[in-house]
Amino acid sequence: MAGHSKWANIQHRKGRQDKLRSKLFSKLAKEITVAAKMGDPDPDKNPRLRLAVKEAKSSSVPKDVIERAIKKSQGGDAENYDEIRYEGYGPNGVAVIVEAMTDNRNRTASTVRSTFSKNGGNLGETGSVGFMFDRKGQVVYPADVADADTVMMAAIEAGA
């Protein structure tokens, strides 16, 4: 009977899981590298690095991957990641700010521009919508807590 090999099914499932974990580990290692490059490579002296390491540990990133990312930031051969801020208008004139971290500004700019245009918006000039926003903080919640509407209603009831 074709297609009934339990080992093959396990292999495919593990392959998908490993691919997702690898993508997450790469993203977290990149954040650690950028945080260490921007400040002190010691997590006790660098709050952004401390937060990135804490987030990586909560996602079960191995200790050697974290240490390698910190060492990579100190060496001269590391990729140079930049934080870029794009401003624009979404559908129905909604002001949108996109913060991105990239190693290739041109590729990121074209990707953000095409995403805006495909969804009925347009990319604006620097400062076109930034004056309407003040950075107050960031609220993060796991996706499995509830759907977006439930979380939004809870935030509104709490005074957000």
N, C-alpha and C. Protein backbone atom coordinates (compact mmCIF):
# COMPACT_ATOMS: atom_id res chain seq x y z
N MET A 1 0.84 -1.18 0.00
CA MET A 1 0.00 0.00 0.00
C MET A 1 0.89 1.24 0.00
N ALA A 2 0.77 2.02 -1.04
CA ALA A 2 1.61 3.21 -1.19
C ALA A 2 1.11 4.31 -0.27
N GLY A 3 2.06 5.07 0.28
CA GLY A 3 1.70 6.24 1.08
C GLY A 3 1.35 5.96 2.51
N HIS A 4 1.60 4.72 2.99
CA HIS A 4 1.20 4.38 4.35
C HIS A 4 2.39 4.13 5.26
N SER A 5 3.54 4.69 4.90
CA SER A 5 4.72 4.51 5.71
C SER A 5 4.71 5.52 6.85
N LYS A 6 4.67 5.03 8.06
CA LYS A 6 4.63 5.92 9.22
C LYS A 6 5.91 6.74 9.29
N TRP A 7 7.06 6.11 8.99
CA TRP A 7 8.32 6.83 9.05
C TRP A 7 8.34 8.00 8.05
N ALA A 8 7.81 7.78 6.86
CA ALA A 8 7.77 8.85 5.85
C ALA A 8 6.90 10.01 6.34
N ASN A 9 5.78 9.70 6.96
CA ASN A 9 4.92 10.76 7.49
C ASN A 9 5.63 11.55 8.59
N ILE A 10 6.32 10.84 9.47
CA ILE A 10 7.07 11.51 10.54
C ILE A 10 8.16 12.39 9.95
N GLN A 11 8.84 11.87 8.94
CA GLN A 11 9.92 12.61 8.30
C GLN A 11 9.40 13.91 7.69
N HIS A 12 8.29 13.86 7.00
CA HIS A 12 7.72 15.06 6.38
C HIS A 12 7.27 16.06 7.44
N ARG A 13 6.64 15.57 8.49
CA ARG A 13 6.16 16.45 9.56
C ARG A 13 7.34 17.14 10.25
N LYS A 14 8.38 16.36 10.58
CA LYS A 14 9.57 16.93 11.22
C LYS A 14 10.26 17.92 10.31
N GLY A 15 10.25 17.65 9.02
CA GLY A 15 10.86 18.58 8.06
C GLY A 15 10.17 19.92 8.07
N ARG A 16 8.84 19.91 8.10
CA ARG A 16 8.08 21.17 8.15
C ARG A 16 8.34 21.91 9.45
N GLN A 17 8.35 21.18 10.58
CA GLN A 17 8.61 21.79 11.88
C GLN A 17 10.02 22.39 11.93
N ASP A 18 11.00 21.66 11.41
CA ASP A 18 12.37 22.16 11.41
C ASP A 18 12.52 23.40 10.55
N LYS A 19 11.80 23.45 9.45
CA LYS A 19 11.85 24.62 8.57
C LYS A 19 11.31 25.85 9.30
N LEU A 20 10.19 25.69 10.01
CA LEU A 20 9.62 26.81 10.76
C LEU A 20 10.53 27.25 11.90
N ARG A 21 11.12 26.27 12.62
CA ARG A 21 12.02 26.60 13.72
C ARG A 21 13.27 27.31 13.20
N SER A 22 13.78 26.87 12.08
CA SER A 22 14.97 27.48 11.50
C SER A 22 14.70 28.94 11.12
N LYS A 23 13.53 29.20 10.56
CA LYS A 23 13.16 30.56 10.18
C LYS A 23 13.06 31.45 11.43
N LEU A 24 12.45 30.93 12.49
CA LEU A 24 12.32 31.68 13.73
C LEU A 24 13.69 31.93 14.36
N PHE A 25 14.54 30.90 14.39
CA PHE A 25 15.88 31.05 14.97
C PHE A 25 16.68 32.09 14.20
N SER A 26 16.59 32.09 12.88
CA SER A 26 17.32 33.07 12.07
C SER A 26 16.85 34.48 12.37
N LYS A 27 15.55 34.65 12.49
CA LYS A 27 14.99 35.97 12.78
C LYS A 27 15.45 36.47 14.15
N LEU A 28 15.41 35.60 15.15
CA LEU A 28 15.83 35.99 16.49
C LEU A 28 17.34 36.25 16.55
N ALA A 29 18.13 35.44 15.85
CA ALA A 29 19.58 35.65 15.82
C ALA A 29 19.92 36.98 15.15
N LYS A 30 19.17 37.34 14.11
CA LYS A 30 19.39 38.61 13.44
C LYS A 30 19.09 39.77 14.39
N GLU A 31 18.03 39.66 15.15
CA GLU A 31 17.68 40.71 16.12
C GLU A 31 18.75 40.82 17.19
N ILE A 32 19.30 39.69 17.66
CA ILE A 32 20.37 39.71 18.65
C ILE A 32 21.61 40.38 18.08
N THR A 33 21.95 40.07 16.84
CA THR A 33 23.12 40.66 16.20
C THR A 33 22.97 42.18 16.08
N VAL A 34 21.82 42.64 15.66
CA VAL A 34 21.59 44.08 15.51
C VAL A 34 21.65 44.77 16.87
N ALA A 35 21.04 44.17 17.88
CA ALA A 35 21.03 44.77 19.21
C ALA A 35 22.44 44.85 19.79
N ALA A 36 23.23 43.80 19.58
CA ALA A 36 24.60 43.80 20.09
C ALA A 36 25.48 44.79 19.33
N LYS A 37 25.21 44.96 18.04
CA LYS A 37 26.00 45.90 17.25
C LYS A 37 25.67 47.35 17.62
N MET A 38 24.42 47.62 17.96
CA MET A 38 24.01 48.99 18.29
C MET A 38 24.50 49.44 19.66
N GLY A 39 24.72 48.51 20.56
CA GLY A 39 25.12 48.87 21.91
C GLY A 39 26.22 47.96 22.41
N ASP A 40 26.23 47.76 23.71
CA ASP A 40 27.23 46.91 24.35
C ASP A 40 26.89 45.44 24.11
N PRO A 41 27.91 44.59 23.87
CA PRO A 41 27.62 43.16 23.66
C PRO A 41 27.29 42.41 24.94
N ASP A 42 27.28 43.10 26.06
CA ASP A 42 26.93 42.49 27.34
C ASP A 42 25.44 42.71 27.60
N PRO A 43 24.64 41.64 27.72
CA PRO A 43 23.20 41.81 27.93
C PRO A 43 22.85 42.57 29.22
N ASP A 44 23.73 42.54 30.22
CA ASP A 44 23.45 43.27 31.45
C ASP A 44 23.50 44.77 31.26
N LYS A 45 24.27 45.23 30.26
CA LYS A 45 24.44 46.67 30.02
C LYS A 45 23.62 47.17 28.83
N ASN A 46 23.02 46.27 28.08
CA ASN A 46 22.28 46.64 26.88
C ASN A 46 20.85 46.11 26.98
N PRO A 47 19.88 46.99 27.29
CA PRO A 47 18.50 46.50 27.49
C PRO A 47 17.87 45.89 26.24
N ARG A 48 18.20 46.41 25.07
CA ARG A 48 17.62 45.85 23.85
C ARG A 48 18.16 44.44 23.61
N LEU A 49 19.45 44.25 23.86
CA LEU A 49 20.04 42.92 23.71
C LEU A 49 19.47 41.96 24.75
N ARG A 50 19.29 42.46 25.97
CA ARG A 50 18.72 41.63 27.03
C ARG A 50 17.34 41.15 26.64
N LEU A 51 16.52 42.03 26.08
CA LEU A 51 15.17 41.66 25.65
C LEU A 51 15.22 40.65 24.50
N ALA A 52 16.14 40.86 23.56
CA ALA A 52 16.26 39.95 22.42
C ALA A 52 16.71 38.56 22.89
N VAL A 53 17.66 38.51 23.83
CA VAL A 53 18.12 37.22 24.35
C VAL A 53 17.00 36.52 25.13
N LYS A 54 16.25 37.30 25.91
CA LYS A 54 15.14 36.72 26.67
C LYS A 54 14.09 36.13 25.73
N GLU A 55 13.79 36.86 24.67
CA GLU A 55 12.81 36.38 23.69
C GLU A 55 13.31 35.12 22.99
N ALA A 56 14.61 35.08 22.69
CA ALA A 56 15.19 33.91 22.04
C ALA A 56 15.15 32.70 22.96
N LYS A 57 15.47 32.91 24.23
CA LYS A 57 15.44 31.80 25.18
C LYS A 57 14.03 31.27 25.38
N SER A 58 13.04 32.17 25.34
CA SER A 58 11.65 31.72 25.50
C SER A 58 11.20 30.90 24.30
N SER A 59 11.88 31.08 23.16
CA SER A 59 11.55 30.30 21.96
C SER A 59 12.46 29.10 21.80
N SER A 60 13.21 28.75 22.85
CA SER A 60 14.08 27.57 22.89
C SER A 60 15.24 27.63 21.90
N VAL A 61 15.77 28.83 21.67
CA VAL A 61 16.95 28.95 20.82
C VAL A 61 18.15 28.45 21.63
N PRO A 62 18.98 27.57 21.05
CA PRO A 62 20.13 27.05 21.79
C PRO A 62 21.11 28.15 22.20
N LYS A 63 21.78 27.93 23.32
CA LYS A 63 22.70 28.91 23.88
C LYS A 63 23.83 29.24 22.91
N ASP A 64 24.33 28.23 22.20
CA ASP A 64 25.45 28.48 21.29
C ASP A 64 25.02 29.36 20.10
N VAL A 65 23.76 29.28 19.68
CA VAL A 65 23.27 30.15 18.60
C VAL A 65 23.22 31.59 19.07
N ILE A 66 22.80 31.80 20.32
CA ILE A 66 22.75 33.15 20.89
C ILE A 66 24.16 33.71 20.99
N GLU A 67 25.09 32.92 21.52
CA GLU A 67 26.48 33.39 21.67
C GLU A 67 27.11 33.66 20.30
N ARG A 68 26.82 32.83 19.32
CA ARG A 68 27.36 33.02 17.98
C ARG A 68 26.84 34.32 17.37
N ALA A 69 25.57 34.64 17.62
CA ALA A 69 24.99 35.87 17.09
C ALA A 69 25.64 37.10 17.73
N ILE A 70 25.94 37.02 19.03
CA ILE A 70 26.60 38.14 19.71
C ILE A 70 28.03 38.30 19.19
N LYS A 71 28.74 37.18 19.03
CA LYS A 71 30.11 37.24 18.51
C LYS A 71 30.14 37.75 17.07
N LYS A 72 29.13 37.39 16.30
CA LYS A 72 29.05 37.82 14.91
C LYS A 72 28.94 39.33 14.81
N SER A 73 28.28 39.94 15.78
CA SER A 73 28.12 41.40 15.75
C SER A 73 29.44 42.11 16.03
N GLN A 74 30.33 41.48 16.75
CA GLN A 74 31.60 42.10 17.11
C GLN A 74 32.64 41.95 16.02
N GLY A 75 32.52 40.93 15.19
CA GLY A 75 33.45 40.73 14.08
C GLY A 75 33.15 41.68 12.95
N GLY A 76 34.14 41.95 12.12
CA GLY A 76 33.95 42.89 11.02
C GLY A 76 33.24 42.28 9.82
N ASP A 77 33.08 40.96 9.79
CA ASP A 77 32.52 40.29 8.63
C ASP A 77 31.01 40.12 8.70
N ALA A 78 30.38 40.67 9.72
CA ALA A 78 28.93 40.48 9.88
C ALA A 78 28.17 41.31 8.86
N GLU A 79 26.98 40.82 8.47
CA GLU A 79 26.13 41.60 7.59
C GLU A 79 25.70 42.85 8.32
N ASN A 80 25.43 43.88 7.56
CA ASN A 80 25.02 45.14 8.16
C ASN A 80 23.52 45.29 7.99
N TYR A 81 22.78 45.19 9.07
CA TYR A 81 21.33 45.33 9.02
C TYR A 81 20.95 46.75 9.42
N ASP A 82 20.05 47.34 8.66
CA ASP A 82 19.58 48.69 8.94
C ASP A 82 18.12 48.64 9.31
N GLU A 83 17.74 49.55 10.20
CA GLU A 83 16.32 49.72 10.52
C GLU A 83 15.80 50.87 9.69
N ILE A 84 14.74 50.61 8.96
CA ILE A 84 14.17 51.61 8.07
C ILE A 84 12.71 51.82 8.44
N ARG A 85 12.25 53.04 8.26
CA ARG A 85 10.86 53.38 8.56
C ARG A 85 10.21 53.93 7.30
N TYR A 86 9.14 53.28 6.88
CA TYR A 86 8.39 53.72 5.70
C TYR A 86 7.05 54.27 6.15
N GLU A 87 6.59 55.30 5.49
CA GLU A 87 5.31 55.91 5.81
C GLU A 87 4.46 55.93 4.56
N GLY A 88 3.17 55.78 4.75
CA GLY A 88 2.29 55.79 3.60
C GLY A 88 0.84 55.78 4.02
N TYR A 89 0.00 55.64 3.04
CA TYR A 89 -1.44 55.63 3.26
C TYR A 89 -2.01 54.31 2.75
N GLY A 90 -2.83 53.69 3.57
CA GLY A 90 -3.49 52.44 3.20
C GLY A 90 -4.81 52.72 2.53
N PRO A 91 -5.65 51.70 2.42
CA PRO A 91 -6.98 51.88 1.83
C PRO A 91 -7.78 52.91 2.63
N ASN A 92 -8.57 53.70 1.94
CA ASN A 92 -9.43 54.73 2.54
C ASN A 92 -8.63 55.80 3.28
N GLY A 93 -7.38 56.01 2.92
CA GLY A 93 -6.58 57.08 3.49
C GLY A 93 -6.08 56.85 4.91
N VAL A 94 -6.01 55.61 5.34
CA VAL A 94 -5.53 55.28 6.68
C VAL A 94 -4.00 55.45 6.71
N ALA A 95 -3.51 56.23 7.68
CA ALA A 95 -2.07 56.45 7.81
C ALA A 95 -1.40 55.20 8.36
N VAL A 96 -0.28 54.79 7.75
CA VAL A 96 0.42 53.57 8.13
C VAL A 96 1.91 53.86 8.24
N ILE A 97 2.53 53.34 9.31
CA ILE A 97 3.99 53.40 9.45
C ILE A 97 4.48 51.95 9.47
N VAL A 98 5.48 51.65 8.64
CA VAL A 98 6.06 50.31 8.56
C VAL A 98 7.51 50.42 9.01
N GLU A 99 7.86 49.68 10.05
CA GLU A 99 9.24 49.64 10.51
C GLU A 99 9.82 48.31 10.08
N ALA A 100 10.96 48.35 9.39
CA ALA A 100 11.57 47.14 8.84
C ALA A 100 13.05 47.10 9.17
N MET A 101 13.58 45.90 9.25
CA MET A 101 15.01 45.70 9.43
C MET A 101 15.49 44.89 8.23
N THR A 102 16.52 45.42 7.54
CA THR A 102 16.93 44.79 6.29
C THR A 102 18.43 44.91 6.06
N ASP A 103 18.94 44.04 5.21
CA ASP A 103 20.32 44.15 4.78
C ASP A 103 20.39 44.71 3.35
N ASN A 104 19.24 44.93 2.73
CA ASN A 104 19.19 45.45 1.37
C ASN A 104 18.05 46.45 1.28
N ARG A 105 18.37 47.73 1.34
CA ARG A 105 17.35 48.78 1.37
C ARG A 105 16.51 48.81 0.09
N ASN A 106 17.15 48.61 -1.06
CA ASN A 106 16.42 48.69 -2.33
C ASN A 106 15.37 47.59 -2.44
N ARG A 107 15.73 46.38 -2.07
CA ARG A 107 14.79 45.27 -2.15
C ARG A 107 13.62 45.50 -1.20
N THR A 108 13.91 45.97 0.01
CA THR A 108 12.85 46.21 0.99
C THR A 108 11.93 47.32 0.53
N ALA A 109 12.50 48.38 -0.02
CA ALA A 109 11.67 49.50 -0.50
C ALA A 109 10.71 49.05 -1.59
N SER A 110 11.20 48.25 -2.53
CA SER A 110 10.32 47.79 -3.61
C SER A 110 9.25 46.83 -3.07
N THR A 111 9.61 46.00 -2.10
CA THR A 111 8.64 45.08 -1.51
C THR A 111 7.54 45.84 -0.78
N VAL A 112 7.93 46.83 0.02
CA VAL A 112 6.94 47.62 0.77
C VAL A 112 6.07 48.42 -0.19
N ARG A 113 6.68 49.00 -1.22
CA ARG A 113 5.92 49.79 -2.20
C ARG A 113 4.90 48.91 -2.92
N SER A 114 5.32 47.70 -3.33
CA SER A 114 4.38 46.82 -4.04
C SER A 114 3.28 46.32 -3.12
N THR A 115 3.60 46.10 -1.83
CA THR A 115 2.57 45.67 -0.88
C THR A 115 1.52 46.77 -0.69
N PHE A 116 1.99 48.01 -0.57
CA PHE A 116 1.05 49.13 -0.45
C PHE A 116 0.16 49.20 -1.69
N SER A 117 0.75 49.15 -2.89
CA SER A 117 -0.04 49.32 -4.11
C SER A 117 -0.99 48.15 -4.35
N LYS A 118 -0.59 46.93 -3.99
CA LYS A 118 -1.47 45.77 -4.19
C LYS A 118 -2.68 45.82 -3.28
N ASN A 119 -2.55 46.51 -2.14
CA ASN A 119 -3.65 46.56 -1.18
C ASN A 119 -4.38 47.90 -1.18
N GLY A 120 -4.24 48.66 -2.23
CA GLY A 120 -5.02 49.88 -2.38
C GLY A 120 -4.45 51.08 -1.64
N GLY A 121 -3.18 51.11 -1.39
CA GLY A 121 -2.56 52.25 -0.72
C GLY A 121 -1.42 52.79 -1.54
N ASN A 122 -0.70 53.75 -0.97
CA ASN A 122 0.49 54.25 -1.65
C ASN A 122 1.54 54.66 -0.62
N LEU A 123 2.79 54.52 -1.01
CA LEU A 123 3.92 54.84 -0.16
C LEU A 123 4.11 56.34 -0.19
N GLY A 124 4.25 56.96 0.98
CA GLY A 124 4.42 58.40 1.06
C GLY A 124 5.87 58.79 1.28
N GLU A 125 6.10 60.09 1.31
CA GLU A 125 7.43 60.62 1.59
C GLU A 125 7.71 60.52 3.08
N THR A 126 8.99 60.61 3.45
CA THR A 126 9.37 60.59 4.85
C THR A 126 8.76 61.81 5.54
N GLY A 127 8.07 61.58 6.63
CA GLY A 127 7.42 62.66 7.37
C GLY A 127 5.99 62.93 6.96
N SER A 128 5.49 62.20 5.96
CA SER A 128 4.13 62.48 5.48
C SER A 128 3.06 62.06 6.48
N VAL A 129 3.30 61.02 7.28
CA VAL A 129 2.32 60.62 8.30
C VAL A 129 2.95 60.52 9.68
N GLY A 130 4.26 60.62 9.76
CA GLY A 130 4.95 60.45 11.05
C GLY A 130 4.55 61.47 12.09
N PHE A 131 4.16 62.67 11.66
CA PHE A 131 3.78 63.71 12.62
C PHE A 131 2.48 63.38 13.35
N MET A 132 1.72 62.43 12.83
CA MET A 132 0.45 62.07 13.47
C MET A 132 0.61 61.04 14.58
N PHE A 133 1.81 60.47 14.71
CA PHE A 133 2.03 59.38 15.66
C PHE A 133 3.03 59.78 16.73
N ASP A 134 2.83 59.26 17.93
CA ASP A 134 3.79 59.36 19.02
C ASP A 134 4.04 57.96 19.52
N ARG A 135 5.31 57.58 19.67
CA ARG A 135 5.62 56.24 20.17
C ARG A 135 5.39 56.22 21.67
N LYS A 136 4.43 55.43 22.07
CA LYS A 136 4.07 55.31 23.49
C LYS A 136 4.52 53.98 24.07
N GLY A 137 4.52 52.94 23.28
CA GLY A 137 4.88 51.62 23.77
C GLY A 137 4.49 50.58 22.75
N GLN A 138 4.64 49.35 23.14
CA GLN A 138 4.31 48.25 22.24
C GLN A 138 3.59 47.18 23.04
N VAL A 139 2.49 46.70 22.51
CA VAL A 139 1.72 45.64 23.15
C VAL A 139 1.83 44.40 22.27
N VAL A 140 2.30 43.31 22.85
CA VAL A 140 2.46 42.06 22.12
C VAL A 140 1.70 40.98 22.87
N TYR A 141 0.97 40.17 22.12
CA TYR A 141 0.26 39.05 22.72
C TYR A 141 0.39 37.85 21.80
N PRO A 142 0.42 36.65 22.38
CA PRO A 142 0.52 35.46 21.54
C PRO A 142 -0.73 35.29 20.70
N ALA A 143 -0.56 34.77 19.50
CA ALA A 143 -1.67 34.62 18.57
C ALA A 143 -2.72 33.62 19.06
N ASP A 144 -2.32 32.70 19.93
CA ASP A 144 -3.28 31.69 20.38
C ASP A 144 -4.14 32.15 21.54
N VAL A 145 -3.94 33.38 22.03
CA VAL A 145 -4.75 33.89 23.14
C VAL A 145 -6.20 34.08 22.71
N ALA A 146 -6.40 34.80 21.62
CA ALA A 146 -7.75 35.06 21.11
C ALA A 146 -7.63 35.65 19.72
N ASP A 147 -8.77 35.85 19.07
CA ASP A 147 -8.74 36.47 17.75
C ASP A 147 -8.57 37.98 17.91
N ALA A 148 -8.29 38.66 16.81
CA ALA A 148 -7.97 40.09 16.83
C ALA A 148 -9.11 40.94 17.41
N ASP A 149 -10.35 40.62 17.07
CA ASP A 149 -11.48 41.41 17.56
C ASP A 149 -11.63 41.31 19.07
N THR A 150 -11.47 40.12 19.62
CA THR A 150 -11.58 39.94 21.07
C THR A 150 -10.50 40.71 21.80
N VAL A 151 -9.27 40.64 21.28
CA VAL A 151 -8.17 41.37 21.90
C VAL A 151 -8.41 42.88 21.81
N MET A 152 -8.88 43.36 20.66
CA MET A 152 -9.16 44.78 20.48
C MET A 152 -10.23 45.26 21.45
N MET A 153 -11.29 44.48 21.63
CA MET A 153 -12.37 44.85 22.56
C MET A 153 -11.83 44.88 23.99
N ALA A 154 -11.00 43.94 24.37
CA ALA A 154 -10.42 43.91 25.70
C ALA A 154 -9.53 45.14 25.92
N ALA A 155 -8.77 45.52 24.88
CA ALA A 155 -7.91 46.70 25.00
C ALA A 155 -8.72 47.97 25.12
N ILE A 156 -9.81 48.08 24.38
CA ILE A 156 -10.66 49.27 24.45
C ILE A 156 -11.32 49.38 25.80
N GLU A 157 -11.78 48.25 26.32
CA GLU A 157 -12.40 48.25 27.65
C GLU A 157 -11.40 48.61 28.74
N ALA A 158 -10.11 48.29 28.50
CA ALA A 158 -9.06 48.61 29.48
C ALA A 158 -8.58 50.05 29.37
N GLY A 159 -9.04 50.77 28.35
CA GLY A 159 -8.69 52.17 28.23
C GLY A 159 -7.67 52.49 27.15
N ALA A 160 -7.39 51.55 26.28
CA ALA A 160 -6.42 51.82 25.21
C ALA A 160 -7.04 52.71 24.14
